[in-house]
């Protein structure tokens, strides 16, 4: 598994409310970085949960976990190809 060094990503959207700042990033963190989410149904993708006090995001329908720190650092999924292929095969037989 290799990670590219973090690059500078431009903001493309900013929303500010009385108690929140939200920033959309230019690369949007490509979904292709997270293969299980690529293969998830729209319902599975929308079924996320915050975990670890908000330091992570879990998708129970596809057994995917992402840390906020990894998202901000620009790290794609570290899942091995063999593991992903086993998971995909299990979805086809279900």
N, C-alpha and C. Protein backbone atom coordinates (compact mmCIF):
# COMPACT_ATOMS: atom_id res chain seq x y z
N UNK A 1 0.85 -1.15 0.00
CA UNK A 1 0.00 0.00 0.00
C UNK A 1 0.90 1.22 0.00
N UNK A 2 0.60 2.16 -0.87
CA UNK A 2 1.39 3.38 -0.90
C UNK A 2 0.47 4.59 -0.88
N UNK A 3 0.95 5.62 -0.25
CA UNK A 3 0.20 6.86 -0.18
C UNK A 3 1.02 7.94 -0.83
N UNK A 4 0.36 8.76 -1.61
CA UNK A 4 1.07 9.91 -2.16
C UNK A 4 1.16 10.96 -1.07
N UNK A 5 2.14 11.81 -1.18
CA UNK A 5 2.24 12.87 -0.18
C UNK A 5 1.04 13.78 -0.32
N UNK A 6 0.56 14.30 0.81
CA UNK A 6 -0.61 15.17 0.73
C UNK A 6 -0.34 16.35 -0.18
N UNK A 7 -1.29 16.63 -1.04
CA UNK A 7 -1.15 17.77 -1.92
C UNK A 7 -2.09 18.86 -1.45
N UNK A 8 -1.86 20.03 -1.93
CA UNK A 8 -2.72 21.12 -1.56
C UNK A 8 -3.95 21.06 -2.45
N UNK A 9 -5.11 20.99 -1.84
CA UNK A 9 -6.37 20.89 -2.55
C UNK A 9 -7.15 22.18 -2.33
N UNK A 10 -7.68 22.72 -3.40
CA UNK A 10 -8.43 23.97 -3.32
C UNK A 10 -9.85 23.73 -2.79
N UNK A 11 -10.36 24.73 -2.10
CA UNK A 11 -11.76 24.72 -1.67
C UNK A 11 -12.62 25.18 -2.84
N UNK A 12 -13.79 24.59 -2.98
CA UNK A 12 -14.71 24.99 -4.05
C UNK A 12 -16.06 25.45 -3.50
N UNK A 13 -16.29 25.17 -2.24
CA UNK A 13 -17.57 25.54 -1.63
C UNK A 13 -17.34 25.80 -0.16
N UNK A 14 -17.93 26.86 0.32
CA UNK A 14 -17.85 27.18 1.75
C UNK A 14 -19.25 27.54 2.23
N UNK A 15 -19.64 26.94 3.33
CA UNK A 15 -20.91 27.27 3.97
C UNK A 15 -20.62 27.63 5.42
N UNK A 16 -21.16 28.75 5.85
CA UNK A 16 -20.96 29.19 7.22
C UNK A 16 -22.33 29.48 7.83
N UNK A 17 -22.59 28.84 8.96
CA UNK A 17 -23.79 29.12 9.72
C UNK A 17 -23.38 29.73 11.04
N UNK A 18 -24.31 29.93 11.92
CA UNK A 18 -23.97 30.51 13.23
C UNK A 18 -23.05 29.62 14.05
N UNK A 19 -23.05 28.31 13.77
CA UNK A 19 -22.23 27.42 14.58
C UNK A 19 -21.44 26.38 13.79
N UNK A 20 -21.33 26.53 12.47
CA UNK A 20 -20.64 25.52 11.67
C UNK A 20 -19.97 26.09 10.44
N UNK A 21 -18.79 25.56 10.13
CA UNK A 21 -18.06 25.88 8.90
C UNK A 21 -17.92 24.58 8.11
N UNK A 22 -18.39 24.56 6.88
CA UNK A 22 -18.25 23.39 6.01
C UNK A 22 -17.52 23.83 4.75
N UNK A 23 -16.52 23.04 4.35
CA UNK A 23 -15.72 23.36 3.17
C UNK A 23 -15.74 22.16 2.23
N UNK A 24 -16.12 22.39 0.99
CA UNK A 24 -16.06 21.35 -0.04
C UNK A 24 -14.72 21.43 -0.75
N UNK A 25 -14.07 20.30 -0.94
CA UNK A 25 -12.75 20.26 -1.55
C UNK A 25 -12.85 20.02 -3.06
N UNK A 26 -11.91 20.58 -3.80
CA UNK A 26 -11.93 20.50 -5.27
C UNK A 26 -11.93 19.06 -5.77
N UNK A 27 -11.20 18.18 -5.11
CA UNK A 27 -11.16 16.79 -5.59
C UNK A 27 -12.35 15.99 -5.06
N UNK A 28 -13.07 16.55 -4.10
CA UNK A 28 -14.24 15.86 -3.58
C UNK A 28 -13.92 14.50 -2.97
N UNK A 29 -12.66 14.19 -2.80
CA UNK A 29 -12.22 12.87 -2.37
C UNK A 29 -12.89 11.83 -3.25
N UNK A 30 -12.28 11.55 -4.39
CA UNK A 30 -12.90 10.69 -5.41
C UNK A 30 -13.42 9.37 -4.83
N UNK A 31 -14.63 9.02 -5.20
CA UNK A 31 -15.22 7.78 -4.71
C UNK A 31 -14.38 6.58 -5.10
N UNK A 32 -13.64 6.68 -6.21
CA UNK A 32 -12.80 5.56 -6.65
C UNK A 32 -11.73 5.20 -5.61
N UNK A 33 -11.44 6.11 -4.69
CA UNK A 33 -10.50 5.82 -3.61
C UNK A 33 -11.06 4.80 -2.63
N UNK A 34 -12.37 4.60 -2.65
CA UNK A 34 -13.04 3.75 -1.67
C UNK A 34 -13.89 2.72 -2.42
N UNK A 35 -13.26 1.64 -2.89
CA UNK A 35 -13.93 0.67 -3.78
C UNK A 35 -15.22 0.09 -3.22
N UNK A 36 -15.29 -0.14 -1.92
CA UNK A 36 -16.54 -0.69 -1.39
C UNK A 36 -17.69 0.29 -1.58
N UNK A 37 -17.40 1.57 -1.47
CA UNK A 37 -18.44 2.57 -1.69
C UNK A 37 -18.80 2.68 -3.17
N UNK A 38 -17.82 2.45 -4.05
CA UNK A 38 -18.10 2.43 -5.49
C UNK A 38 -19.13 1.35 -5.80
N UNK A 39 -18.98 0.18 -5.17
CA UNK A 39 -19.85 -0.96 -5.45
C UNK A 39 -21.10 -0.99 -4.58
N UNK A 40 -21.25 -0.05 -3.69
CA UNK A 40 -22.42 0.01 -2.82
C UNK A 40 -23.63 0.54 -3.57
N UNK A 41 -24.78 0.15 -3.10
CA UNK A 41 -26.02 0.70 -3.65
C UNK A 41 -26.20 2.11 -3.07
N UNK A 42 -27.03 2.94 -3.70
CA UNK A 42 -27.29 4.27 -3.13
C UNK A 42 -27.80 4.19 -1.68
N UNK A 43 -28.60 3.19 -1.39
CA UNK A 43 -29.11 3.03 -0.02
C UNK A 43 -27.97 2.71 0.94
N UNK A 44 -27.05 1.83 0.52
CA UNK A 44 -25.91 1.49 1.38
C UNK A 44 -25.01 2.71 1.61
N UNK A 45 -24.80 3.50 0.55
CA UNK A 45 -23.97 4.70 0.70
C UNK A 45 -24.58 5.70 1.65
N UNK A 46 -25.89 5.81 1.64
CA UNK A 46 -26.54 6.79 2.50
C UNK A 46 -26.72 6.28 3.92
N UNK A 47 -26.39 5.01 4.16
CA UNK A 47 -26.57 4.42 5.49
C UNK A 47 -25.35 4.53 6.37
N UNK A 48 -24.69 5.66 6.37
CA UNK A 48 -23.47 5.85 7.17
C UNK A 48 -23.80 6.20 8.61
N UNK A 49 -22.80 5.97 9.48
CA UNK A 49 -22.92 6.31 10.90
C UNK A 49 -21.61 6.95 11.34
N UNK A 50 -21.69 7.96 12.17
CA UNK A 50 -20.47 8.51 12.78
C UNK A 50 -20.08 7.58 13.92
N UNK A 51 -18.78 7.27 14.02
CA UNK A 51 -18.28 6.38 15.07
C UNK A 51 -17.07 7.03 15.74
N UNK A 52 -16.72 6.50 16.89
CA UNK A 52 -15.54 7.00 17.60
C UNK A 52 -15.66 8.47 17.98
N UNK A 53 -16.84 8.88 18.36
CA UNK A 53 -17.02 10.27 18.74
C UNK A 53 -16.92 11.23 17.57
N UNK A 54 -17.16 10.72 16.36
CA UNK A 54 -17.10 11.57 15.17
C UNK A 54 -15.76 11.55 14.47
N UNK A 55 -14.82 10.74 14.96
CA UNK A 55 -13.51 10.65 14.33
C UNK A 55 -13.50 9.67 13.16
N UNK A 56 -14.61 8.95 12.98
CA UNK A 56 -14.70 8.00 11.89
C UNK A 56 -16.10 7.93 11.33
N UNK A 57 -16.22 7.32 10.15
CA UNK A 57 -17.50 7.11 9.49
C UNK A 57 -17.58 5.63 9.15
N UNK A 58 -18.71 5.02 9.47
CA UNK A 58 -18.90 3.59 9.22
C UNK A 58 -20.13 3.39 8.33
N UNK A 59 -19.99 2.54 7.32
CA UNK A 59 -21.09 2.14 6.45
C UNK A 59 -21.37 0.67 6.75
N UNK A 60 -22.35 0.37 7.60
CA UNK A 60 -22.59 -1.03 7.98
C UNK A 60 -23.00 -1.91 6.81
N UNK A 61 -23.68 -1.38 5.82
CA UNK A 61 -24.13 -2.19 4.69
C UNK A 61 -23.01 -2.72 3.83
N UNK A 62 -21.83 -2.09 3.89
CA UNK A 62 -20.70 -2.54 3.08
C UNK A 62 -19.45 -2.79 3.94
N UNK A 63 -19.62 -2.69 5.25
CA UNK A 63 -18.53 -2.91 6.20
C UNK A 63 -17.31 -2.04 5.85
N UNK A 64 -17.55 -0.76 5.65
CA UNK A 64 -16.48 0.19 5.32
C UNK A 64 -16.33 1.19 6.47
N UNK A 65 -15.09 1.48 6.81
CA UNK A 65 -14.78 2.46 7.85
C UNK A 65 -13.73 3.43 7.32
N UNK A 66 -13.98 4.72 7.49
CA UNK A 66 -13.01 5.74 7.10
C UNK A 66 -12.79 6.66 8.29
N UNK A 67 -11.54 7.02 8.50
CA UNK A 67 -11.27 8.00 9.55
C UNK A 67 -11.26 9.40 8.94
N UNK A 68 -11.71 10.36 9.71
CA UNK A 68 -11.70 11.74 9.25
C UNK A 68 -10.27 12.18 8.97
N UNK A 69 -9.33 11.74 9.81
CA UNK A 69 -7.92 12.11 9.60
C UNK A 69 -7.41 11.61 8.25
N UNK A 70 -7.78 10.39 7.86
CA UNK A 70 -7.36 9.86 6.56
C UNK A 70 -7.98 10.63 5.41
N UNK A 71 -9.26 10.99 5.57
CA UNK A 71 -9.91 11.79 4.54
C UNK A 71 -9.19 13.12 4.35
N UNK A 72 -8.89 13.78 5.45
CA UNK A 72 -8.22 15.08 5.36
C UNK A 72 -6.80 14.96 4.83
N UNK A 73 -6.14 13.85 5.12
CA UNK A 73 -4.78 13.64 4.65
C UNK A 73 -4.74 13.18 3.18
N UNK A 74 -5.90 12.90 2.60
CA UNK A 74 -5.94 12.47 1.21
C UNK A 74 -5.49 11.03 1.00
N UNK A 75 -5.76 10.18 2.00
CA UNK A 75 -5.37 8.77 1.89
C UNK A 75 -6.53 7.94 1.38
N UNK A 76 -6.35 7.23 0.28
CA UNK A 76 -7.40 6.33 -0.20
C UNK A 76 -7.47 5.07 0.66
N UNK A 77 -8.43 4.23 0.36
CA UNK A 77 -8.59 2.98 1.08
C UNK A 77 -7.31 2.17 1.04
N UNK A 78 -6.99 1.53 2.14
CA UNK A 78 -5.81 0.68 2.20
C UNK A 78 -6.15 -0.79 2.04
N UNK A 79 -7.39 -1.08 1.64
CA UNK A 79 -7.79 -2.48 1.52
C UNK A 79 -7.02 -3.17 0.40
N UNK A 80 -6.54 -4.38 0.70
CA UNK A 80 -5.83 -5.17 -0.30
C UNK A 80 -6.81 -5.65 -1.37
N UNK A 81 -6.32 -5.79 -2.57
CA UNK A 81 -7.13 -6.23 -3.71
C UNK A 81 -7.77 -7.60 -3.44
N UNK A 82 -7.02 -8.51 -2.79
CA UNK A 82 -7.55 -9.84 -2.50
C UNK A 82 -8.78 -9.75 -1.59
N UNK A 83 -8.69 -8.89 -0.59
CA UNK A 83 -9.80 -8.70 0.33
C UNK A 83 -11.02 -8.12 -0.39
N UNK A 84 -10.79 -7.14 -1.23
CA UNK A 84 -11.88 -6.54 -1.99
C UNK A 84 -12.53 -7.58 -2.90
N UNK A 85 -11.74 -8.40 -3.57
CA UNK A 85 -12.29 -9.42 -4.47
C UNK A 85 -13.13 -10.45 -3.71
N UNK A 86 -12.68 -10.86 -2.51
CA UNK A 86 -13.48 -11.78 -1.70
C UNK A 86 -14.81 -11.13 -1.32
N UNK A 87 -14.76 -9.85 -0.94
CA UNK A 87 -15.97 -9.14 -0.57
C UNK A 87 -16.92 -9.04 -1.75
N UNK A 88 -16.40 -8.69 -2.93
CA UNK A 88 -17.24 -8.60 -4.12
C UNK A 88 -17.88 -9.94 -4.46
N UNK A 89 -17.10 -11.02 -4.33
CA UNK A 89 -17.64 -12.36 -4.61
C UNK A 89 -18.76 -12.70 -3.63
N UNK A 90 -18.60 -12.32 -2.38
CA UNK A 90 -19.64 -12.61 -1.40
C UNK A 90 -20.93 -11.84 -1.69
N UNK A 91 -20.81 -10.67 -2.28
CA UNK A 91 -22.01 -9.89 -2.65
C UNK A 91 -22.74 -10.52 -3.82
N UNK A 92 -21.99 -11.12 -4.74
CA UNK A 92 -22.62 -11.75 -5.91
C UNK A 92 -23.39 -13.01 -5.53
N UNK A 93 -22.94 -13.69 -4.46
CA UNK A 93 -23.60 -14.93 -4.06
C UNK A 93 -24.71 -14.69 -3.04
N UNK A 94 -24.84 -13.47 -2.57
CA UNK A 94 -25.88 -13.17 -1.56
C UNK A 94 -27.21 -12.91 -2.21
